[in-house]
Amino acid sequence: MLQSLKEANKVVGTKQVKRAIMHDEAKQLLIAKDAEPRIVHELVALCDERLIEVVYMDTMKELGKACGIEVSAASAAILK
């Protein structure tokens, strides 16, 4: 999954992910387990409402690396 994530059409970061969910562009949400709950709680709730799959990664550092960026990431979304 990690290799396919680098190649997937995606957005990274809470603001961009929220925008993608609100515009019905996201098909899967990726959340780091060590992300601040207050930051990602709204994203998970939006995905529950819209029946979008939520996948949890172990760490923010791992999620950032999987997305092909050099910084940690709390959330990412794979686009339709």
C-alpha atoms as a PDB file:
ATOM      1  CA  MET A   1       0.000   0.000   0.000  1.00  0.00           C
ATOM      2  CA  LEU A   2       2.808   2.404   0.830  1.00  0.00           C
ATOM      3  CA  GLN A   3       4.298   2.249  -2.665  1.00  0.00           C
ATOM      4  CA  SER A   4       0.919   2.684  -4.343  1.00  0.00           C
ATOM      5  CA  LEU A   5       0.239   5.723  -2.151  1.00  0.00           C
ATOM      6  CA  LYS A   6       3.241   7.567  -3.615  1.00  0.00           C
ATOM      7  CA  GLU A   7       1.848   7.040  -7.113  1.00  0.00           C
ATOM      8  CA  ALA A   8      -1.807   7.720  -6.282  1.00  0.00           C
ATOM      9  CA  ASN A   9      -3.608  10.965  -7.025  1.00  0.00           C
ATOM     10  CA  LYS A  10      -3.811  12.444  -3.518  1.00  0.00           C
ATOM     11  CA  VAL A  11      -3.840  15.503  -1.303  1.00  0.00           C
ATOM     12  CA  VAL A  12      -1.854  15.840   1.906  1.00  0.00           C
ATOM     13  CA  GLY A  13      -2.623  18.012   4.906  1.00  0.00           C
ATOM     14  CA  THR A  14      -5.736  18.676   6.924  1.00  0.00           C
ATOM     15  CA  LYS A  15      -7.012  21.705   5.001  1.00  0.00           C
ATOM     16  CA  GLN A  16      -6.602  20.108   1.582  1.00  0.00           C
ATOM     17  CA  VAL A  17      -8.078  16.813   2.797  1.00  0.00           C
ATOM     18  CA  LYS A  18     -11.120  18.565   4.266  1.00  0.00           C
ATOM     19  CA  ARG A  19     -11.638  20.443   1.002  1.00  0.00           C
ATOM     20  CA  ALA A  20     -11.443  17.199  -1.001  1.00  0.00           C
ATOM     21  CA  ILE A  21     -13.973  15.503   1.293  1.00  0.00           C
ATOM     22  CA  MET A  22     -16.376  18.452   1.138  1.00  0.00           C
ATOM     23  CA  HIS A  23     -16.192  18.525  -2.684  1.00  0.00           C
ATOM     24  CA  ASP A  24     -16.786  14.749  -2.900  1.00  0.00           C
ATOM     25  CA  GLU A  25     -13.359  14.170  -4.424  1.00  0.00           C
ATOM     26  CA  ALA A  26     -11.924  11.782  -1.794  1.00  0.00           C
ATOM     27  CA  LYS A  27     -12.346   8.018  -1.912  1.00  0.00           C
ATOM     28  CA  GLN A  28     -10.131   7.124   1.066  1.00  0.00           C
ATOM     29  CA  LEU A  29      -8.859   9.003   4.119  1.00  0.00           C
ATOM     30  CA  LEU A  30      -5.502   8.188   5.696  1.00  0.00           C
ATOM     31  CA  ILE A  31      -4.955   9.274   9.302  1.00  0.00           C
ATOM     32  CA  ALA A  32      -1.825   8.937  11.442  1.00  0.00           C
ATOM     33  CA  LYS A  33      -2.580   7.263  14.777  1.00  0.00           C
ATOM     34  CA  ASP A  34      -0.296   9.729  16.593  1.00  0.00           C
ATOM     35  CA  ALA A  35      -1.989  12.827  15.102  1.00  0.00           C
ATOM     36  CA  GLU A  36      -3.707  15.241  17.468  1.00  0.00           C
ATOM     37  CA  PRO A  37      -7.315  14.014  17.872  1.00  0.00           C
ATOM     38  CA  ARG A  38      -8.666  17.576  17.776  1.00  0.00           C
ATOM     39  CA  ILE A  39      -7.112  18.012  14.331  1.00  0.00           C
ATOM     40  CA  VAL A  40      -8.367  14.827  12.675  1.00  0.00           C
ATOM     41  CA  HIS A  41     -11.650  14.263  14.544  1.00  0.00           C
ATOM     42  CA  GLU A  42     -13.649  16.430  12.110  1.00  0.00           C
ATOM     43  CA  LEU A  43     -12.168  14.635   9.086  1.00  0.00           C
ATOM     44  CA  VAL A  44     -13.141  11.226  10.452  1.00  0.00           C
ATOM     45  CA  ALA A  45     -16.668  12.472  11.221  1.00  0.00           C
ATOM     46  CA  LEU A  46     -17.049  13.865   7.682  1.00  0.00           C
ATOM     47  CA  CYS A  47     -15.912  10.553   6.217  1.00  0.00           C
ATOM     48  CA  ASP A  48     -18.346   8.628   8.401  1.00  0.00           C
ATOM     49  CA  GLU A  49     -21.187  10.804   7.092  1.00  0.00           C
ATOM     50  CA  ARG A  50     -20.129  10.311   3.473  1.00  0.00           C
ATOM     51  CA  LEU A  51     -19.216   6.605   3.807  1.00  0.00           C
ATOM     52  CA  ILE A  52     -15.568   7.210   2.879  1.00  0.00           C
ATOM     53  CA  GLU A  53     -13.119   4.539   4.024  1.00  0.00           C
ATOM     54  CA  VAL A  54     -10.725   5.598   6.815  1.00  0.00           C
ATOM     55  CA  VAL A  55      -7.324   3.895   7.055  1.00  0.00           C
ATOM     56  CA  TYR A  56      -4.996   4.432  10.009  1.00  0.00           C
ATOM     57  CA  MET A  57      -1.214   4.608   9.649  1.00  0.00           C
ATOM     58  CA  ASP A  58       1.074   4.142  12.661  1.00  0.00           C
ATOM     59  CA  THR A  59       2.832   7.506  12.698  1.00  0.00           C
ATOM     60  CA  MET A  60       2.724  10.933  11.103  1.00  0.00           C
ATOM     61  CA  LYS A  61       6.300  10.441   9.935  1.00  0.00           C
ATOM     62  CA  GLU A  62       5.356   7.160   8.220  1.00  0.00           C
ATOM     63  CA  LEU A  63       2.341   8.782   6.529  1.00  0.00           C
ATOM     64  CA  GLY A  64       4.436  11.692   5.263  1.00  0.00           C
ATOM     65  CA  LYS A  65       7.081   9.341   3.899  1.00  0.00           C
ATOM     66  CA  ALA A  66       4.418   7.144   2.260  1.00  0.00           C
ATOM     67  CA  CYS A  67       3.009  10.242   0.545  1.00  0.00           C
ATOM     68  CA  GLY A  68       6.444  11.106  -0.818  1.00  0.00           C
ATOM     69  CA  ILE A  69       6.981  14.237   1.266  1.00  0.00           C
ATOM     70  CA  GLU A  70       9.872  14.969   3.609  1.00  0.00           C
ATOM     71  CA  VAL A  71       7.758  16.145   6.544  1.00  0.00           C
ATOM     72  CA  SER A  72       5.247  14.433   8.813  1.00  0.00           C
ATOM     73  CA  ALA A  73       1.572  14.416   7.862  1.00  0.00           C
ATOM     74  CA  ALA A  74      -1.486  13.999  10.085  1.00  0.00           C
ATOM     75  CA  SER A  75      -3.812  13.209   7.184  1.00  0.00           C
ATOM     76  CA  ALA A  76      -3.981  12.500   3.487  1.00  0.00           C
ATOM     77  CA  ALA A  77      -6.735  11.580   1.070  1.00  0.00           C
ATOM     78  CA  ILE A  78      -6.640   9.451  -2.041  1.00  0.00           C
ATOM     79  CA  LEU A  79      -8.747  11.109  -4.709  1.00  0.00           C
ATOM     80  CA  LYS A  80     -11.339   9.530  -6.990  1.00  0.00           C
END
